Amino acid sequence: MAETLGFIGLGAMGAPMSRRLIEAGYKVIVADLDKAALDKAIALGAEAAASPADVGSKAETVLVSLPTPDVVKQVALGPNGVAEGSRVKTFIDLSTTGPRAAIDIANGLKAKGIVPMDAPVSGGVGGAVKGTLAVMVSGDRATWERLEPVFKVIGKPFFVGEEAGQGQTMKIINNLLSATAMAASAEAFVMGAKAGLDPDVMVDVISAGSGRNTAVTDKFPSAILTRSFDYGFRTELMYKDVKLAIDEAEALGVPMWIGQMVKQWWSYAYSRGGKTEDFTNIIRYVEEPVGVEVRGRRNTKPE
């Protein structure tokens, strides 16, 4: 009989990850503030819990996919949090919180006899749906070995270390590179459009050349050249991830000249677009002063 799992946070990433666990045969106890998200999970076979503490009283292993470090800490250790549950033994954080918050949360969980595991993911909503996410796990090795089959349901897991926060460090490094590729590619494509180059051809050439990156191969064709700006990741979250990376680099004494410029770009996009705008909108703030629009002519989504 498959293990009972708790899952808290049924947003853009959490909903498809929890669905994959349900479809893999796990009994999944879910909690979320969004009733519609809860109803969808229940329709798929999940059981709803009244609170994070209730999840922790019904499942020994609880996974969370939440937007910010403060929310993760509150759900894990706050009043009526997971740690107040009577059954929970392992807490798996799939969110991006940064290593310092992860260490703080891990210490609080250990004090209550709960094993903490970092397991941030990368690969976007598409990867969550397909089960192809990169899962960056750190923590107790024996717990990793026991739970590896769970991680394999949601993606390709990597064990990156036994110390709390190491999985988070790996994730913010990855996201800093992703954020850099998006910002630099936005500037490059606006430059090309201003010079009269066809954006569709630019995608083909760069995807076959040394400038290849996932912004160009994935995000530009699906959400920028179509002008749909609906890739599924918010600007506020990208800015948060970049800031976490730069703050950690500073704490480690590592210079980040390029990273600081990338942080400025995402700070500007955040200030312009607000909290909920899709992060692909960053290109609009490069286009605006130049007076061009990067729009493809093939595979264009309807208005």
C-alpha atoms as a PDB file:
ATOM      1  CA  MET A   1       0.000   0.000   0.000  1.00  0.00           C
ATOM      2  CA  ALA A   2       1.382   3.405  -1.026  1.00  0.00           C
ATOM      3  CA  GLU A   3       2.445   5.850   1.647  1.00  0.00           C
ATOM      4  CA  THR A   4       0.112   8.651   2.710  1.00  0.00           C
ATOM      5  CA  LEU A   5       1.548  12.052   1.795  1.00  0.00           C
ATOM      6  CA  GLY A   6       0.553  15.547   2.807  1.00  0.00           C
ATOM      7  CA  PHE A   7       0.698  18.323   0.215  1.00  0.00           C
ATOM      8  CA  ILE A   8       0.233  22.011   1.022  1.00  0.00           C
ATOM      9  CA  GLY A   9       0.107  24.641  -1.721  1.00  0.00           C
ATOM     10  CA  LEU A  10      -1.948  23.870  -4.824  1.00  0.00           C
ATOM     11  CA  GLY A  11      -0.854  26.748  -7.025  1.00  0.00           C
ATOM     12  CA  ALA A  12       0.587  26.705 -10.539  1.00  0.00           C
ATOM     13  CA  MET A  13       3.342  24.270  -9.544  1.00  0.00           C
ATOM     14  CA  GLY A  14       1.786  22.506  -6.577  1.00  0.00           C
ATOM     15  CA  ALA A  15      -1.429  21.465  -8.326  1.00  0.00           C
ATOM     16  CA  PRO A  16       0.246  19.409 -11.080  1.00  0.00           C
ATOM     17  CA  MET A  17       2.827  17.941  -8.689  1.00  0.00           C
ATOM     18  CA  SER A  18       0.133  16.788  -6.269  1.00  0.00           C
ATOM     19  CA  ARG A  19      -1.888  15.417  -9.169  1.00  0.00           C
ATOM     20  CA  ARG A  20       1.039  13.296 -10.314  1.00  0.00           C
ATOM     21  CA  LEU A  21       1.390  11.870  -6.802  1.00  0.00           C
ATOM     22  CA  ILE A  22      -2.299  10.994  -6.715  1.00  0.00           C
ATOM     23  CA  GLU A  23      -2.094   9.351 -10.133  1.00  0.00           C
ATOM     24  CA  ALA A  24       0.956   7.379  -8.970  1.00  0.00           C
ATOM     25  CA  GLY A  25      -1.191   5.745  -6.301  1.00  0.00           C
ATOM     26  CA  TYR A  26      -0.295   7.756  -3.214  1.00  0.00           C
ATOM     27  CA  LYS A  27      -3.002   8.815  -0.805  1.00  0.00           C
ATOM     28  CA  VAL A  28      -2.589  12.585  -0.706  1.00  0.00           C
ATOM     29  CA  ILE A  29      -3.910  14.889   2.036  1.00  0.00           C
ATOM     30  CA  VAL A  30      -4.112  18.452   0.712  1.00  0.00           C
ATOM     31  CA  ALA A  31      -4.508  21.956   2.117  1.00  0.00           C
ATOM     32  CA  ASP A  32      -4.727  25.336   0.421  1.00  0.00           C
ATOM     33  CA  LEU A  33      -6.434  28.670   1.045  1.00  0.00           C
ATOM     34  CA  ASP A  34      -7.966  28.534  -2.444  1.00  0.00           C
ATOM     35  CA  LYS A  35     -11.197  26.523  -2.263  1.00  0.00           C
ATOM     36  CA  ALA A  36     -11.333  26.068  -6.041  1.00  0.00           C
ATOM     37  CA  ALA A  37      -7.857  24.522  -6.006  1.00  0.00           C
ATOM     38  CA  LEU A  38      -8.887  22.251  -3.149  1.00  0.00           C
ATOM     39  CA  ASP A  39     -12.025  21.152  -4.997  1.00  0.00           C
ATOM     40  CA  LYS A  40      -9.992  20.235  -8.076  1.00  0.00           C
ATOM     41  CA  ALA A  41      -7.612  18.131  -5.990  1.00  0.00           C
ATOM     42  CA  ILE A  42     -10.496  16.399  -4.235  1.00  0.00           C
ATOM     43  CA  ALA A  43     -12.066  15.599  -7.614  1.00  0.00           C
ATOM     44  CA  LEU A  44      -8.812  13.868  -8.554  1.00  0.00           C
ATOM     45  CA  GLY A  45      -8.883  11.738  -5.419  1.00  0.00           C
ATOM     46  CA  ALA A  46      -7.172  13.823  -2.740  1.00  0.00           C
ATOM     47  CA  GLU A  47      -8.498  14.230   0.798  1.00  0.00           C
ATOM     48  CA  ALA A  48      -8.824  17.769   2.142  1.00  0.00           C
ATOM     49  CA  ALA A  49      -7.418  18.804   5.506  1.00  0.00           C
ATOM     50  CA  ALA A  50      -8.635  21.689   7.632  1.00  0.00           C
ATOM     51  CA  SER A  51      -5.198  23.215   8.270  1.00  0.00           C
ATOM     52  CA  PRO A  52      -1.450  22.552   7.983  1.00  0.00           C
ATOM     53  CA  ALA A  53      -1.564  21.019  11.483  1.00  0.00           C
ATOM     54  CA  ASP A  54      -4.343  18.734  10.307  1.00  0.00           C
ATOM     55  CA  VAL A  55      -2.176  17.649   7.370  1.00  0.00           C
ATOM     56  CA  GLY A  56       0.612  16.922   9.859  1.00  0.00           C
ATOM     57  CA  SER A  57      -1.782  14.781  11.889  1.00  0.00           C
ATOM     58  CA  LYS A  58      -2.788  12.690   8.876  1.00  0.00           C
ATOM     59  CA  ALA A  59       0.518  12.145   7.053  1.00  0.00           C
ATOM     60  CA  GLU A  60       4.049  11.260   8.160  1.00  0.00           C
ATOM     61  CA  THR A  61       5.573  12.977   5.130  1.00  0.00           C
ATOM     62  CA  VAL A  62       4.387  16.484   4.221  1.00  0.00           C
ATOM     63  CA  LEU A  63       5.416  18.330   1.060  1.00  0.00           C
ATOM     64  CA  VAL A  64       4.869  22.061   0.574  1.00  0.00           C
ATOM     65  CA  SER A  65       4.984  24.245  -2.539  1.00  0.00           C
ATOM     66  CA  LEU A  66       4.596  27.843  -1.397  1.00  0.00           C
ATOM     67  CA  PRO A  67       5.491  31.311  -2.729  1.00  0.00           C
ATOM     68  CA  THR A  68       7.805  32.918  -0.153  1.00  0.00           C
ATOM     69  CA  PRO A  69      10.146  32.020   2.732  1.00  0.00           C
ATOM     70  CA  ASP A  70       7.851  33.712   5.247  1.00  0.00           C
ATOM     71  CA  VAL A  71       4.858  31.672   4.105  1.00  0.00           C
ATOM     72  CA  VAL A  72       6.874  28.436   4.296  1.00  0.00           C
ATOM     73  CA  LYS A  73       8.024  29.270   7.825  1.00  0.00           C
ATOM     74  CA  GLN A  74       4.487  30.106   8.927  1.00  0.00           C
ATOM     75  CA  VAL A  75       3.065  26.900   7.441  1.00  0.00           C
ATOM     76  CA  ALA A  76       5.861  24.804   8.939  1.00  0.00           C
ATOM     77  CA  LEU A  77       6.273  26.316  12.396  1.00  0.00           C
ATOM     78  CA  GLY A  78       3.560  28.884  12.987  1.00  0.00           C
ATOM     79  CA  PRO A  79       0.350  28.511  14.990  1.00  0.00           C
ATOM     80  CA  ASN A  80      -1.605  25.560  13.620  1.00  0.00           C
ATOM     81  CA  GLY A  81       1.389  24.771  11.413  1.00  0.00           C
ATOM     82  CA  VAL A  82       2.553  21.377  10.189  1.00  0.00           C
ATOM     83  CA  ALA A  83       4.863  20.894  13.182  1.00  0.00           C
ATOM     84  CA  GLU A  84       1.831  20.887  15.471  1.00  0.00           C
ATOM     85  CA  GLY A  85       0.543  17.758  13.759  1.00  0.00           C
ATOM     86  CA  SER A  86       0.652  14.519  15.706  1.00  0.00           C
ATOM     87  CA  ARG A  87       1.928  12.234  12.953  1.00  0.00           C
ATOM     88  CA  VAL A  88       4.373  14.177  10.784  1.00  0.00           C
ATOM     89  CA  LYS A  89       7.982  12.940  10.712  1.00  0.00           C
ATOM     90  CA  THR A  90       9.373  14.490   7.516  1.00  0.00           C
ATOM     91  CA  PHE A  91       8.879  17.972   6.024  1.00  0.00           C
ATOM     92  CA  ILE A  92       9.819  18.456   2.355  1.00  0.00           C
ATOM     93  CA  ASP A  93      10.044  21.999   1.020  1.00  0.00           C
ATOM     94  CA  LEU A  94       9.598  22.166  -2.767  1.00  0.00           C
ATOM     95  CA  SER A  95       9.526  25.987  -2.658  1.00  0.00           C
ATOM     96  CA  THR A  96      12.338  28.447  -3.299  1.00  0.00           C
ATOM     97  CA  THR A  97      13.164  29.988   0.060  1.00  0.00           C
ATOM     98  CA  GLY A  98      16.923  30.526  -0.104  1.00  0.00           C
ATOM     99  CA  PRO A  99      19.462  28.709   2.087  1.00  0.00           C
ATOM    100  CA  ARG A 100      19.310  30.965   5.148  1.00  0.00           C
ATOM    101  CA  ALA A 101      15.557  30.615   5.541  1.00  0.00           C
ATOM    102  CA  ALA A 102      15.884  26.877   4.874  1.00  0.00           C
ATOM    103  CA  ILE A 103      18.439  26.526   7.677  1.00  0.00           C
ATOM    104  CA  ASP A 104      16.254  28.519  10.064  1.00  0.00           C
ATOM    105  CA  ILE A 105      13.183  26.425   9.242  1.00  0.00           C
ATOM    106  CA  ALA A 106      15.207  23.185   9.431  1.00  0.00           C
ATOM    107  CA  ASN A 107      16.460  24.044  12.912  1.00  0.00           C
ATOM    108  CA  GLY A 108      12.915  24.738  14.071  1.00  0.00           C
ATOM    109  CA  LEU A 109      11.668  21.439  12.656  1.00  0.00           C
ATOM    110  CA  LYS A 110      14.547  19.437  14.134  1.00  0.00           C
ATOM    111  CA  ALA A 111      13.743  20.870  17.552  1.00  0.00           C
ATOM    112  CA  LYS A 112      10.330  19.258  17.211  1.00  0.00           C
ATOM    113  CA  GLY A 113      11.693  15.921  16.038  1.00  0.00           C
ATOM    114  CA  ILE A 114      10.826  16.419  12.374  1.00  0.00           C
ATOM    115  CA  VAL A 115      13.334  15.670   9.578  1.00  0.00           C
ATOM    116  CA  PRO A 116      13.623  18.643   7.169  1.00  0.00           C
ATOM    117  CA  MET A 117      14.420  18.162   3.482  1.00  0.00           C
ATOM    118  CA  ASP A 118      15.106  20.882   0.893  1.00  0.00           C
ATOM    119  CA  ALA A 119      13.736  19.866  -2.484  1.00  0.00           C
ATOM    120  CA  PRO A 120      13.269  22.978  -4.652  1.00  0.00           C
ATOM    121  CA  VAL A 121      12.294  22.299  -8.248  1.00  0.00           C
ATOM    122  CA  SER A 122      13.055  23.801 -11.649  1.00  0.00           C
ATOM    123  CA  GLY A 123      11.357  23.324 -14.981  1.00  0.00           C
ATOM    124  CA  GLY A 124       8.265  25.490 -14.857  1.00  0.00           C
ATOM    125  CA  VAL A 125       4.617  24.571 -14.995  1.00  0.00           C
ATOM    126  CA  GLY A 126       5.218  22.450 -18.084  1.00  0.00           C
ATOM    127  CA  GLY A 127       7.777  20.378 -16.218  1.00  0.00           C
ATOM    128  CA  ALA A 128       5.431  19.996 -13.265  1.00  0.00           C
ATOM    129  CA  VAL A 129       2.676  18.718 -15.559  1.00  0.00           C
ATOM    130  CA  LYS A 130       4.960  16.300 -17.400  1.00  0.00           C
ATOM    131  CA  GLY A 131       6.906  15.150 -14.341  1.00  0.00           C
ATOM    132  CA  THR A 132      10.218  16.336 -15.768  1.00  0.00           C
ATOM    133  CA  LEU A 133      11.224  18.845 -13.092  1.00  0.00           C
ATOM    134  CA  ALA A 134      14.782  18.960 -11.797  1.00  0.00           C
ATOM    135  CA  VAL A 135      14.421  18.273  -8.054  1.00  0.00           C
ATOM    136  CA  MET A 136      17.377  19.500  -5.965  1.00  0.00           C
ATOM    137  CA  VAL A 137      17.347  17.579  -2.690  1.00  0.00           C
ATOM    138  CA  SER A 138      19.466  18.097   0.414  1.00  0.00           C
ATOM    139  CA  GLY A 139      19.149  16.725   3.913  1.00  0.00           C
ATOM    140  CA  ASP A 140      19.387  13.400   5.685  1.00  0.00           C
ATOM    141  CA  ARG A 141      20.756  10.804   3.249  1.00  0.00           C
ATOM    142  CA  ALA A 142      18.700   7.909   4.614  1.00  0.00           C
ATOM    143  CA  THR A 143      15.526   9.959   4.250  1.00  0.00           C
ATOM    144  CA  TRP A 144      16.553  10.833   0.695  1.00  0.00           C
ATOM    145  CA  GLU A 145      17.001   7.172  -0.147  1.00  0.00           C
ATOM    146  CA  ARG A 146      13.622   6.300   1.333  1.00  0.00           C
ATOM    147  CA  LEU A 147      11.773   9.084  -0.455  1.00  0.00           C
ATOM    148  CA  GLU A 148      13.563   8.964  -3.807  1.00  0.00           C
ATOM    149  CA  PRO A 149      10.584   7.154  -5.404  1.00  0.00           C
ATOM    150  CA  VAL A 150       8.345  10.062  -4.379  1.00  0.00           C
ATOM    151  CA  PHE A 151      10.706  12.590  -5.921  1.00  0.00           C
ATOM    152  CA  LYS A 152      10.885  10.545  -9.122  1.00  0.00           C
ATOM    153  CA  VAL A 153       7.142  10.932  -9.590  1.00  0.00           C
ATOM    154  CA  ILE A 154       7.510  14.700  -9.982  1.00  0.00           C
ATOM    155  CA  GLY A 155      10.779  14.815 -11.884  1.00  0.00           C
ATOM    156  CA  LYS A 156      14.452  13.930 -12.019  1.00  0.00           C
ATOM    157  CA  PRO A 157      15.868  14.160  -8.485  1.00  0.00           C
ATOM    158  CA  PHE A 158      19.451  15.091  -7.629  1.00  0.00           C
ATOM    159  CA  PHE A 159      20.941  14.652  -4.160  1.00  0.00           C
ATOM    160  CA  VAL A 160      23.147  17.720  -3.753  1.00  0.00           C
ATOM    161  CA  GLY A 161      24.242  17.440  -0.129  1.00  0.00           C
ATOM    162  CA  GLU A 162      23.409  16.548   3.460  1.00  0.00           C
ATOM    163  CA  GLU A 163      23.362  20.068   4.894  1.00  0.00           C
ATOM    164  CA  ALA A 164      20.201  22.111   5.238  1.00  0.00           C
ATOM    165  CA  GLY A 165      20.067  24.848   2.609  1.00  0.00           C
ATOM    166  CA  GLN A 166      22.293  23.187   0.005  1.00  0.00           C
ATOM    167  CA  GLY A 167      19.336  22.310  -2.201  1.00  0.00           C
ATOM    168  CA  GLN A 168      18.188  25.912  -1.949  1.00  0.00           C
ATOM    169  CA  THR A 169      21.632  27.207  -2.894  1.00  0.00           C
ATOM    170  CA  MET A 170      21.580  25.000  -5.986  1.00  0.00           C
ATOM    171  CA  LYS A 171      18.128  26.316  -6.901  1.00  0.00           C
ATOM    172  CA  ILE A 172      18.927  30.015  -6.605  1.00  0.00           C
ATOM    173  CA  ILE A 173      22.091  29.511  -8.673  1.00  0.00           C
ATOM    174  CA  ASN A 174      19.963  27.851 -11.353  1.00  0.00           C
ATOM    175  CA  ASN A 175      17.348  30.595 -11.253  1.00  0.00           C
ATOM    176  CA  LEU A 176      19.949  33.360 -11.375  1.00  0.00           C
ATOM    177  CA  LEU A 177      21.193  31.871 -14.648  1.00  0.00           C
ATOM    178  CA  SER A 178      17.635  31.527 -15.938  1.00  0.00           C
ATOM    179  CA  ALA A 179      16.854  35.140 -15.016  1.00  0.00           C
ATOM    180  CA  THR A 180      20.067  36.306 -16.686  1.00  0.00           C
ATOM    181  CA  ALA A 181      19.219  34.434 -19.880  1.00  0.00           C
ATOM    182  CA  MET A 182      15.744  35.964 -20.000  1.00  0.00           C
ATOM    183  CA  ALA A 183      16.908  39.532 -19.415  1.00  0.00           C
ATOM    184  CA  ALA A 184      19.849  39.282 -21.829  1.00  0.00           C
ATOM    185  CA  SER A 185      17.727  37.564 -24.472  1.00  0.00           C
ATOM    186  CA  ALA A 186      15.081  40.293 -24.197  1.00  0.00           C
ATOM    187  CA  GLU A 187      17.727  42.929 -24.933  1.00  0.00           C
ATOM    188  CA  ALA A 188      19.194  40.882 -27.789  1.00  0.00           C
ATOM    189  CA  PHE A 189      15.843  40.288 -29.489  1.00  0.00           C
ATOM    190  CA  VAL A 190      14.859  43.947 -29.256  1.00  0.00           C
ATOM    191  CA  MET A 191      18.201  44.827 -30.807  1.00  0.00           C
ATOM    192  CA  GLY A 192      17.541  42.343 -33.610  1.00  0.00           C
ATOM    193  CA  ALA A 193      14.011  43.639 -34.198  1.00  0.00           C
ATOM    194  CA  LYS A 194      15.300  47.218 -34.353  1.00  0.00           C
ATOM    195  CA  ALA A 195      17.815  46.094 -36.988  1.00  0.00           C
ATOM    196  CA  GLY A 196      15.055  44.444 -39.021  1.00  0.00           C
ATOM    197  CA  LEU A 197      15.731  40.786 -38.166  1.00  0.00           C
ATOM    198  CA  ASP A 198      12.849  38.301 -38.131  1.00  0.00           C
ATOM    199  CA  PRO A 199      12.311  37.127 -34.518  1.00  0.00           C
ATOM    200  CA  ASP A 200      11.294  33.651 -35.694  1.00  0.00           C
ATOM    201  CA  VAL A 201      14.568  33.314 -37.578  1.00  0.00           C
ATOM    202  CA  MET A 202      16.445  34.614 -34.553  1.00  0.00           C
ATOM    203  CA  VAL A 203      14.935  31.818 -32.447  1.00  0.00           C
ATOM    204  CA  ASP A 204      15.991  29.225 -35.024  1.00  0.00           C
ATOM    205  CA  VAL A 205      19.546  30.525 -35.325  1.00  0.00           C
ATOM    206  CA  ILE A 206      20.202  31.042 -31.618  1.00  0.00           C
ATOM    207  CA  SER A 207      18.649  27.676 -30.753  1.00  0.00           C
ATOM    208  CA  ALA A 208      21.137  26.031 -33.127  1.00  0.00           C
ATOM    209  CA  GLY A 209      24.098  28.144 -32.048  1.00  0.00           C
ATOM    210  CA  SER A 210      26.285  28.913 -29.066  1.00  0.00           C
ATOM    211  CA  GLY A 211      23.813  31.437 -27.639  1.00  0.00           C
ATOM    212  CA  ARG A 212      21.224  28.716 -27.007  1.00  0.00           C
ATOM    213  CA  ASN A 213      19.328  29.009 -23.713  1.00  0.00           C
ATOM    214  CA  THR A 214      15.893  28.070 -22.408  1.00  0.00           C
ATOM    215  CA  ALA A 215      14.561  31.617 -22.696  1.00  0.00           C
ATOM    216  CA  VAL A 216      15.044  31.427 -26.458  1.00  0.00           C
ATOM    217  CA  THR A 217      14.149  27.772 -26.981  1.00  0.00           C
ATOM    218  CA  ASP A 218      11.066  27.686 -24.734  1.00  0.00           C
ATOM    219  CA  LYS A 219       9.818  31.011 -23.432  1.00  0.00           C
ATOM    220  CA  PHE A 220      10.170  33.211 -26.502  1.00  0.00           C
ATOM    221  CA  PRO A 221       8.295  30.899 -28.911  1.00  0.00           C
ATOM    222  CA  SER A 222       5.466  30.083 -26.508  1.00  0.00           C
ATOM    223  CA  ALA A 223       4.860  33.356 -24.671  1.00  0.00           C
ATOM    224  CA  ILE A 224       6.775  36.305 -26.173  1.00  0.00           C
ATOM    225  CA  LEU A 225       6.637  35.978 -29.965  1.00  0.00           C
ATOM    226  CA  THR A 226       2.950  35.096 -29.554  1.00  0.00           C
ATOM    227  CA  ARG A 227       2.506  38.187 -27.326  1.00  0.00           C
ATOM    228  CA  SER A 228       0.490  36.040 -24.920  1.00  0.00           C
ATOM    229  CA  PHE A 229       2.878  36.579 -21.970  1.00  0.00           C
ATOM    230  CA  ASP A 230       1.482  33.546 -20.197  1.00  0.00           C
ATOM    231  CA  TYR A 231       4.431  31.251 -19.511  1.00  0.00           C
ATOM    232  CA  GLY A 232       3.210  30.686 -15.959  1.00  0.00           C
ATOM    233  CA  PHE A 233       5.814  32.262 -13.644  1.00  0.00           C
ATOM    234  CA  ARG A 234       5.295  35.625 -11.995  1.00  0.00           C
ATOM    235  CA  THR A 235       7.748  38.535 -12.151  1.00  0.00           C
ATOM    236  CA  GLU A 236       7.595  38.920  -8.369  1.00  0.00           C
ATOM    237  CA  LEU A 237       8.837  35.348  -7.933  1.00  0.00           C
ATOM    238  CA  MET A 238      11.695  35.795 -10.388  1.00  0.00           C
ATOM    239  CA  TYR A 239      12.749  38.979  -8.626  1.00  0.00           C
ATOM    240  CA  LYS A 240      12.542  37.187  -5.272  1.00  0.00           C
ATOM    241  CA  ASP A 241      14.758  34.353  -6.546  1.00  0.00           C
ATOM    242  CA  VAL A 242      17.371  36.709  -8.013  1.00  0.00           C
ATOM    243  CA  LYS A 243      17.454  38.748  -4.816  1.00  0.00           C
ATOM    244  CA  LEU A 244      17.934  35.574  -2.765  1.00  0.00           C
ATOM    245  CA  ALA A 245      20.869  34.602  -4.984  1.00  0.00           C
ATOM    246  CA  ILE A 246      22.558  37.999  -4.767  1.00  0.00           C
ATOM    247  CA  ASP A 247      22.032  38.202  -1.005  1.00  0.00           C
ATOM    248  CA  GLU A 248      23.573  34.756  -0.542  1.00  0.00           C
ATOM    249  CA  ALA A 249      26.522  35.587  -2.798  1.00  0.00           C
ATOM    250  CA  GLU A 250      27.144  38.710  -0.742  1.00  0.00           C
ATOM    251  CA  ALA A 251      27.027  36.680   2.479  1.00  0.00           C
ATOM    252  CA  LEU A 252      29.569  34.261   0.991  1.00  0.00           C
ATOM    253  CA  GLY A 253      31.832  37.082  -0.213  1.00  0.00           C
ATOM    254  CA  VAL A 254      31.378  36.216  -3.892  1.00  0.00           C
ATOM    255  CA  PRO A 255      31.356  39.217  -6.292  1.00  0.00           C
ATOM    256  CA  MET A 256      28.283  39.409  -8.539  1.00  0.00           C
ATOM    257  CA  TRP A 257      28.857  42.227 -11.040  1.00  0.00           C
ATOM    258  CA  ILE A 258      26.613  40.693 -13.705  1.00  0.00           C
ATOM    259  CA  GLY A 259      24.190  39.352 -11.132  1.00  0.00           C
ATOM    260  CA  GLN A 260      23.705  42.828  -9.658  1.00  0.00           C
ATOM    261  CA  MET A 261      22.738  44.181 -13.089  1.00  0.00           C
ATOM    262  CA  VAL A 262      20.322  41.309 -13.586  1.00  0.00           C
ATOM    263  CA  LYS A 263      18.792  42.059 -10.196  1.00  0.00           C
ATOM    264  CA  GLN A 264      18.302  45.700 -11.250  1.00  0.00           C
ATOM    265  CA  TRP A 265      16.500  44.641 -14.417  1.00  0.00           C
ATOM    266  CA  TRP A 266      14.106  42.389 -12.516  1.00  0.00           C
ATOM    267  CA  SER A 267      13.574  45.026  -9.844  1.00  0.00           C
ATOM    268  CA  TYR A 268      12.568  47.445 -12.595  1.00  0.00           C
ATOM    269  CA  ALA A 269      10.227  44.893 -14.212  1.00  0.00           C
ATOM    270  CA  TYR A 270       8.695  44.213 -10.798  1.00  0.00           C
ATOM    271  CA  SER A 271       8.140  47.923 -10.136  1.00  0.00           C
ATOM    272  CA  ARG A 272       6.543  48.357 -13.558  1.00  0.00           C
ATOM    273  CA  GLY A 273       4.428  45.234 -13.732  1.00  0.00           C
ATOM    274  CA  GLY A 274       3.276  44.647 -10.207  1.00  0.00           C
ATOM    275  CA  LYS A 275       3.121  41.399  -8.321  1.00  0.00           C
ATOM    276  CA  THR A 276       1.109  39.121 -10.574  1.00  0.00           C
ATOM    277  CA  GLU A 277       2.434  39.874 -14.059  1.00  0.00           C
ATOM    278  CA  ASP A 278       4.021  36.991 -15.991  1.00  0.00           C
ATOM    279  CA  PHE A 279       7.795  37.316 -16.071  1.00  0.00           C
ATOM    280  CA  THR A 280       7.956  37.184 -19.866  1.00  0.00           C
ATOM    281  CA  ASN A 281       6.606  40.755 -19.839  1.00  0.00           C
ATOM    282  CA  ILE A 282      10.143  41.962 -19.112  1.00  0.00           C
ATOM    283  CA  ILE A 283      10.712  42.332 -22.856  1.00  0.00           C
ATOM    284  CA  ARG A 284       8.040  45.029 -23.034  1.00  0.00           C
ATOM    285  CA  TYR A 285      10.181  47.277 -20.847  1.00  0.00           C
ATOM    286  CA  VAL A 286      13.089  46.865 -23.266  1.00  0.00           C
ATOM    287  CA  GLU A 287      10.847  47.483 -26.297  1.00  0.00           C
ATOM    288  CA  GLU A 288       9.147  50.566 -24.873  1.00  0.00           C
ATOM    289  CA  PRO A 289      11.969  53.132 -25.182  1.00  0.00           C
ATOM    290  CA  VAL A 290      13.130  51.663 -28.503  1.00  0.00           C
ATOM    291  CA  GLY A 291       9.751  51.757 -30.210  1.00  0.00           C
ATOM    292  CA  VAL A 292       9.732  48.217 -31.589  1.00  0.00           C
ATOM    293  CA  GLU A 293       7.760  45.064 -30.850  1.00  0.00           C
ATOM    294  CA  VAL A 294       9.201  41.561 -30.939  1.00  0.00           C
ATOM    295  CA  ARG A 295       6.386  39.580 -32.541  1.00  0.00           C
ATOM    296  CA  GLY A 296       6.566  36.304 -34.435  1.00  0.00           C
ATOM    297  CA  ARG A 297       4.589  35.474 -37.543  1.00  0.00           C
ATOM    298  CA  ARG A 298       4.322  31.725 -37.116  1.00  0.00           C
ATOM    299  CA  ASN A 299       2.588  29.745 -34.393  1.00  0.00           C
ATOM    300  CA  THR A 300       0.896  32.951 -33.245  1.00  0.00           C
ATOM    301  CA  LYS A 301      -1.803  32.475 -30.652  1.00  0.00           C
ATOM    302  CA  PRO A 302      -5.156  34.148 -31.376  1.00  0.00           C
ATOM    303  CA  GLU A 303      -5.842  37.483 -29.694  1.00  0.00           C
END
